């Protein structure tokens, strides 16, 4: 019986933690995406100065702000929160991997057009900043799955699939 008394508190704590993670991710993605859109010319020239092909650069110029805005919208709407957490994790993984390659000395000079607070950081600071938000994105996804599993409810989670539970009750109700 003790676990049932503690369980609602644990569930509440997980929900609060997930909401805090979502807020922190929104505090990252909203300003970063808005900055890319409002300073589009600077963002575009920064991307085109990266050590990538121009054709990939032109794809990224439009794809990155769009993906970041989609991430924001998905994180805000509870129905699409899982997708937002997956997008956030994917984007942060890609950005962090890019920084790792830069820190390993793959390129001589590397311009950064990240904007906002991030633009004043060194590459090493940027790396740890990205690691933090990569961790938050992954942790948010983990919490989302944990909360989803706990919301399935009662006997269904403990005793197998919902379909099996329905069959069980329909067979017993005939007798």
C-alpha atoms as a PDB file:
ATOM      1  CA  UNK A   1       0.000   0.000   0.000  1.00  0.00           C
ATOM      2  CA  UNK A   2       2.908   2.361   0.572  1.00  0.00           C
ATOM      3  CA  UNK A   3       3.766   2.444  -3.120  1.00  0.00           C
ATOM      4  CA  UNK A   4       0.256   3.590  -4.053  1.00  0.00           C
ATOM      5  CA  UNK A   5       0.544   6.497  -1.606  1.00  0.00           C
ATOM      6  CA  UNK A   6       3.937   7.543  -3.020  1.00  0.00           C
ATOM      7  CA  UNK A   7       3.049   6.890  -6.654  1.00  0.00           C
ATOM      8  CA  UNK A   8       0.849   9.991  -7.216  1.00  0.00           C
ATOM      9  CA  UNK A   9       3.605  12.204  -5.789  1.00  0.00           C
ATOM     10  CA  UNK A  10       6.199  10.641  -8.081  1.00  0.00           C
ATOM     11  CA  UNK A  11       3.893  11.096 -11.036  1.00  0.00           C
ATOM     12  CA  UNK A  12       3.258  14.728 -10.106  1.00  0.00           C
ATOM     13  CA  UNK A  13       6.998  15.328  -9.712  1.00  0.00           C
ATOM     14  CA  UNK A  14       7.665  13.811 -13.150  1.00  0.00           C
ATOM     15  CA  UNK A  15       4.989  16.029 -14.724  1.00  0.00           C
ATOM     16  CA  UNK A  16       6.421  19.145 -13.074  1.00  0.00           C
ATOM     17  CA  UNK A  17       9.945  18.166 -14.126  1.00  0.00           C
ATOM     18  CA  UNK A  18       8.806  17.573 -17.701  1.00  0.00           C
ATOM     19  CA  UNK A  19       7.090  20.982 -17.750  1.00  0.00           C
ATOM     20  CA  UNK A  20      10.288  22.633 -16.495  1.00  0.00           C
ATOM     21  CA  UNK A  21      12.294  20.845 -19.203  1.00  0.00           C
ATOM     22  CA  UNK A  22       9.781  21.995 -21.846  1.00  0.00           C
ATOM     23  CA  UNK A  23      10.029  25.599 -20.604  1.00  0.00           C
ATOM     24  CA  UNK A  24      13.836  25.482 -20.701  1.00  0.00           C
ATOM     25  CA  UNK A  25      13.777  24.074 -24.240  1.00  0.00           C
ATOM     26  CA  UNK A  26      11.343  26.782 -25.304  1.00  0.00           C
ATOM     27  CA  UNK A  27      13.673  29.386 -23.781  1.00  0.00           C
ATOM     28  CA  UNK A  28      16.304  28.052 -26.179  1.00  0.00           C
ATOM     29  CA  UNK A  29      14.311  27.439 -29.360  1.00  0.00           C
ATOM     30  CA  UNK A  30      12.064  30.519 -29.399  1.00  0.00           C
ATOM     31  CA  UNK A  31      14.795  33.194 -29.356  1.00  0.00           C
ATOM     32  CA  UNK A  32      17.118  31.176 -31.605  1.00  0.00           C
ATOM     33  CA  UNK A  33      14.449  30.648 -34.274  1.00  0.00           C
ATOM     34  CA  UNK A  34      13.178  34.245 -34.062  1.00  0.00           C
ATOM     35  CA  UNK A  35      16.747  35.535 -34.358  1.00  0.00           C
ATOM     36  CA  UNK A  36      17.314  33.482 -37.523  1.00  0.00           C
ATOM     37  CA  UNK A  37      14.153  34.911 -39.078  1.00  0.00           C
ATOM     38  CA  UNK A  38      14.558  38.540 -38.008  1.00  0.00           C
ATOM     39  CA  UNK A  39      18.264  38.590 -38.955  1.00  0.00           C
ATOM     40  CA  UNK A  40      17.802  36.386 -41.988  1.00  0.00           C
ATOM     41  CA  UNK A  41      20.448  38.121 -44.119  1.00  0.00           C
ATOM     42  CA  UNK A  42      23.133  37.642 -41.428  1.00  0.00           C
ATOM     43  CA  UNK A  43      22.031  34.043 -40.861  1.00  0.00           C
ATOM     44  CA  UNK A  44      22.124  33.338 -44.600  1.00  0.00           C
ATOM     45  CA  UNK A  45      25.605  34.793 -45.059  1.00  0.00           C
ATOM     46  CA  UNK A  46      26.824  32.904 -41.981  1.00  0.00           C
ATOM     47  CA  UNK A  47      25.547  29.593 -43.304  1.00  0.00           C
ATOM     48  CA  UNK A  48      27.077  30.238 -46.723  1.00  0.00           C
ATOM     49  CA  UNK A  49      30.461  30.885 -45.034  1.00  0.00           C
ATOM     50  CA  UNK A  50      30.378  27.467 -43.346  1.00  0.00           C
ATOM     51  CA  UNK A  51      32.704  24.754 -44.699  1.00  0.00           C
ATOM     52  CA  UNK A  52      29.840  22.997 -46.485  1.00  0.00           C
ATOM     53  CA  UNK A  53      28.685  23.039 -50.080  1.00  0.00           C
ATOM     54  CA  UNK A  54      26.536  25.972 -51.186  1.00  0.00           C
ATOM     55  CA  UNK A  55      23.728  23.624 -52.247  1.00  0.00           C
ATOM     56  CA  UNK A  56      23.561  22.148 -48.727  1.00  0.00           C
ATOM     57  CA  UNK A  57      23.883  25.668 -47.332  1.00  0.00           C
ATOM     58  CA  UNK A  58      20.820  26.856 -49.247  1.00  0.00           C
ATOM     59  CA  UNK A  59      18.844  23.879 -47.969  1.00  0.00           C
ATOM     60  CA  UNK A  60      19.907  24.615 -44.380  1.00  0.00           C
ATOM     61  CA  UNK A  61      19.083  28.313 -44.709  1.00  0.00           C
ATOM     62  CA  UNK A  62      15.400  27.501 -45.005  1.00  0.00           C
ATOM     63  CA  UNK A  63      15.273  24.134 -43.253  1.00  0.00           C
ATOM     64  CA  UNK A  64      16.845  25.125 -39.908  1.00  0.00           C
ATOM     65  CA  UNK A  65      14.487  28.005 -39.013  1.00  0.00           C
ATOM     66  CA  UNK A  66      11.522  25.921 -40.162  1.00  0.00           C
ATOM     67  CA  UNK A  67      12.570  22.922 -38.062  1.00  0.00           C
ATOM     68  CA  UNK A  68      13.207  25.147 -35.067  1.00  0.00           C
ATOM     69  CA  UNK A  69       9.759  26.760 -35.364  1.00  0.00           C
ATOM     70  CA  UNK A  70       8.126  23.351 -35.789  1.00  0.00           C
ATOM     71  CA  UNK A  71       9.997  22.233 -32.658  1.00  0.00           C
ATOM     72  CA  UNK A  72       8.620  25.218 -30.740  1.00  0.00           C
ATOM     73  CA  UNK A  73       5.054  24.580 -31.888  1.00  0.00           C
ATOM     74  CA  UNK A  74       5.296  20.858 -31.159  1.00  0.00           C
ATOM     75  CA  UNK A  75       6.679  21.489 -27.669  1.00  0.00           C
ATOM     76  CA  UNK A  76       3.852  23.921 -26.924  1.00  0.00           C
ATOM     77  CA  UNK A  77       1.060  21.609 -28.108  1.00  0.00           C
ATOM     78  CA  UNK A  78       0.749  18.637 -25.786  1.00  0.00           C
ATOM     79  CA  UNK A  79      -0.560  16.429 -28.581  1.00  0.00           C
ATOM     80  CA  UNK A  80       2.726  16.852 -30.500  1.00  0.00           C
ATOM     81  CA  UNK A  81       5.094  17.110 -27.538  1.00  0.00           C
ATOM     82  CA  UNK A  82       6.789  13.791 -28.289  1.00  0.00           C
ATOM     83  CA  UNK A  83       7.597  14.999 -31.817  1.00  0.00           C
ATOM     84  CA  UNK A  84       8.920  18.270 -30.384  1.00  0.00           C
ATOM     85  CA  UNK A  85      11.185  16.422 -27.979  1.00  0.00           C
ATOM     86  CA  UNK A  86      12.427  14.157 -30.760  1.00  0.00           C
ATOM     87  CA  UNK A  87      13.086  17.174 -33.016  1.00  0.00           C
ATOM     88  CA  UNK A  88      14.847  19.004 -30.198  1.00  0.00           C
ATOM     89  CA  UNK A  89      17.020  15.965 -29.481  1.00  0.00           C
ATOM     90  CA  UNK A  90      17.817  15.513 -33.179  1.00  0.00           C
ATOM     91  CA  UNK A  91      18.686  19.166 -33.758  1.00  0.00           C
ATOM     92  CA  UNK A  92      20.816  19.358 -30.634  1.00  0.00           C
ATOM     93  CA  UNK A  93      22.607  16.143 -31.611  1.00  0.00           C
ATOM     94  CA  UNK A  94      23.406  17.558 -35.058  1.00  0.00           C
ATOM     95  CA  UNK A  95      24.540  20.935 -33.694  1.00  0.00           C
ATOM     96  CA  UNK A  96      26.649  19.313 -30.969  1.00  0.00           C
ATOM     97  CA  UNK A  97      28.262  16.903 -33.451  1.00  0.00           C
ATOM     98  CA  UNK A  98      29.129  19.870 -35.686  1.00  0.00           C
ATOM     99  CA  UNK A  99      30.793  21.616 -32.756  1.00  0.00           C
ATOM    100  CA  UNK A 100      32.724  18.450 -31.852  1.00  0.00           C
ATOM    101  CA  UNK A 101      34.091  18.283 -35.402  1.00  0.00           C
ATOM    102  CA  UNK A 102      35.025  21.971 -35.185  1.00  0.00           C
ATOM    103  CA  UNK A 103      36.736  21.487 -31.815  1.00  0.00           C
ATOM    104  CA  UNK A 104      38.699  18.578 -33.240  1.00  0.00           C
ATOM    105  CA  UNK A 105      40.231  21.039 -35.693  1.00  0.00           C
ATOM    106  CA  UNK A 106      38.587  19.903 -38.902  1.00  0.00           C
ATOM    107  CA  UNK A 107      38.473  23.490 -40.150  1.00  0.00           C
ATOM    108  CA  UNK A 108      40.859  26.410 -39.727  1.00  0.00           C
ATOM    109  CA  UNK A 109      38.290  29.142 -39.219  1.00  0.00           C
ATOM    110  CA  UNK A 110      34.662  28.564 -38.442  1.00  0.00           C
ATOM    111  CA  UNK A 111      32.108  31.373 -38.368  1.00  0.00           C
ATOM    112  CA  UNK A 112      29.182  30.977 -36.004  1.00  0.00           C
ATOM    113  CA  UNK A 113      25.888  32.641 -36.820  1.00  0.00           C
ATOM    114  CA  UNK A 114      23.928  31.207 -33.933  1.00  0.00           C
ATOM    115  CA  UNK A 115      22.724  34.580 -32.675  1.00  0.00           C
ATOM    116  CA  UNK A 116      21.206  35.449 -29.318  1.00  0.00           C
ATOM    117  CA  UNK A 117      23.219  34.648 -26.204  1.00  0.00           C
ATOM    118  CA  UNK A 118      25.082  31.848 -27.956  1.00  0.00           C
ATOM    119  CA  UNK A 119      26.976  34.176 -30.313  1.00  0.00           C
ATOM    120  CA  UNK A 120      29.170  35.493 -27.482  1.00  0.00           C
ATOM    121  CA  UNK A 121      30.358  32.037 -26.430  1.00  0.00           C
ATOM    122  CA  UNK A 122      33.623  30.319 -27.250  1.00  0.00           C
ATOM    123  CA  UNK A 123      33.396  27.028 -29.126  1.00  0.00           C
ATOM    124  CA  UNK A 124      34.070  25.082 -25.932  1.00  0.00           C
ATOM    125  CA  UNK A 125      31.383  27.000 -24.022  1.00  0.00           C
ATOM    126  CA  UNK A 126      29.038  26.449 -26.956  1.00  0.00           C
ATOM    127  CA  UNK A 127      29.797  22.719 -26.804  1.00  0.00           C
ATOM    128  CA  UNK A 128      28.859  22.481 -23.101  1.00  0.00           C
ATOM    129  CA  UNK A 129      25.793  24.661 -23.665  1.00  0.00           C
ATOM    130  CA  UNK A 130      24.675  22.282 -26.417  1.00  0.00           C
ATOM    131  CA  UNK A 131      25.405  19.250 -24.250  1.00  0.00           C
ATOM    132  CA  UNK A 132      23.159  20.690 -21.546  1.00  0.00           C
ATOM    133  CA  UNK A 133      20.267  21.184 -23.961  1.00  0.00           C
ATOM    134  CA  UNK A 134      20.892  17.822 -25.605  1.00  0.00           C
ATOM    135  CA  UNK A 135      20.645  16.248 -22.150  1.00  0.00           C
ATOM    136  CA  UNK A 136      17.459  18.220 -21.392  1.00  0.00           C
ATOM    137  CA  UNK A 137      15.891  17.133 -24.686  1.00  0.00           C
ATOM    138  CA  UNK A 138      16.725  13.484 -24.057  1.00  0.00           C
ATOM    139  CA  UNK A 139      15.579  13.688 -20.442  1.00  0.00           C
ATOM    140  CA  UNK A 140      12.318  15.284 -21.551  1.00  0.00           C
ATOM    141  CA  UNK A 141      11.745  12.460 -24.011  1.00  0.00           C
ATOM    142  CA  UNK A 142      12.500   9.913 -21.269  1.00  0.00           C
ATOM    143  CA  UNK A 143      10.040  11.612 -18.900  1.00  0.00           C
ATOM    144  CA  UNK A 144       7.410  11.793 -21.640  1.00  0.00           C
ATOM    145  CA  UNK A 145       7.648   8.019 -22.126  1.00  0.00           C
ATOM    146  CA  UNK A 146       7.566   7.412 -18.364  1.00  0.00           C
ATOM    147  CA  UNK A 147       4.468   9.570 -17.947  1.00  0.00           C
ATOM    148  CA  UNK A 148       2.769   8.002 -20.935  1.00  0.00           C
ATOM    149  CA  UNK A 149       3.342   4.525 -19.509  1.00  0.00           C
ATOM    150  CA  UNK A 150       1.961   5.520 -16.129  1.00  0.00           C
ATOM    151  CA  UNK A 151      -1.137   7.086 -17.693  1.00  0.00           C
ATOM    152  CA  UNK A 152      -2.246   3.799 -19.284  1.00  0.00           C
ATOM    153  CA  UNK A 153      -3.920   3.011 -16.006  1.00  0.00           C
ATOM    154  CA  UNK A 154      -4.735   0.262 -13.628  1.00  0.00           C
ATOM    155  CA  UNK A 155      -5.081  -3.307 -14.677  1.00  0.00           C
ATOM    156  CA  UNK A 156      -4.187  -2.805 -18.306  1.00  0.00           C
ATOM    157  CA  UNK A 157      -0.606  -1.898 -17.500  1.00  0.00           C
ATOM    158  CA  UNK A 158      -0.220  -4.643 -14.960  1.00  0.00           C
ATOM    159  CA  UNK A 159      -2.084  -7.430 -16.725  1.00  0.00           C
ATOM    160  CA  UNK A 160      -1.216  -7.068 -20.404  1.00  0.00           C
ATOM    161  CA  UNK A 161      -2.862  -5.410 -23.337  1.00  0.00           C
ATOM    162  CA  UNK A 162      -6.115  -3.496 -23.189  1.00  0.00           C
ATOM    163  CA  UNK A 163      -7.575  -5.796 -25.831  1.00  0.00           C
ATOM    164  CA  UNK A 164      -6.845  -8.819 -23.623  1.00  0.00           C
ATOM    165  CA  UNK A 165      -8.469  -7.063 -20.644  1.00  0.00           C
ATOM    166  CA  UNK A 166     -11.611  -6.282 -22.656  1.00  0.00           C
ATOM    167  CA  UNK A 167     -11.863  -9.915 -23.783  1.00  0.00           C
ATOM    168  CA  UNK A 168     -11.403 -11.068 -20.197  1.00  0.00           C
ATOM    169  CA  UNK A 169     -14.258  -8.908 -18.955  1.00  0.00           C
ATOM    170  CA  UNK A 170     -16.550  -9.694 -21.868  1.00  0.00           C
ATOM    171  CA  UNK A 171     -16.102 -13.442 -21.315  1.00  0.00           C
ATOM    172  CA  UNK A 172     -16.808 -13.181 -17.602  1.00  0.00           C
ATOM    173  CA  UNK A 173     -19.836 -10.956 -18.128  1.00  0.00           C
ATOM    174  CA  UNK A 174     -21.554 -13.601 -20.300  1.00  0.00           C
ATOM    175  CA  UNK A 175     -21.643 -16.047 -17.404  1.00  0.00           C
END
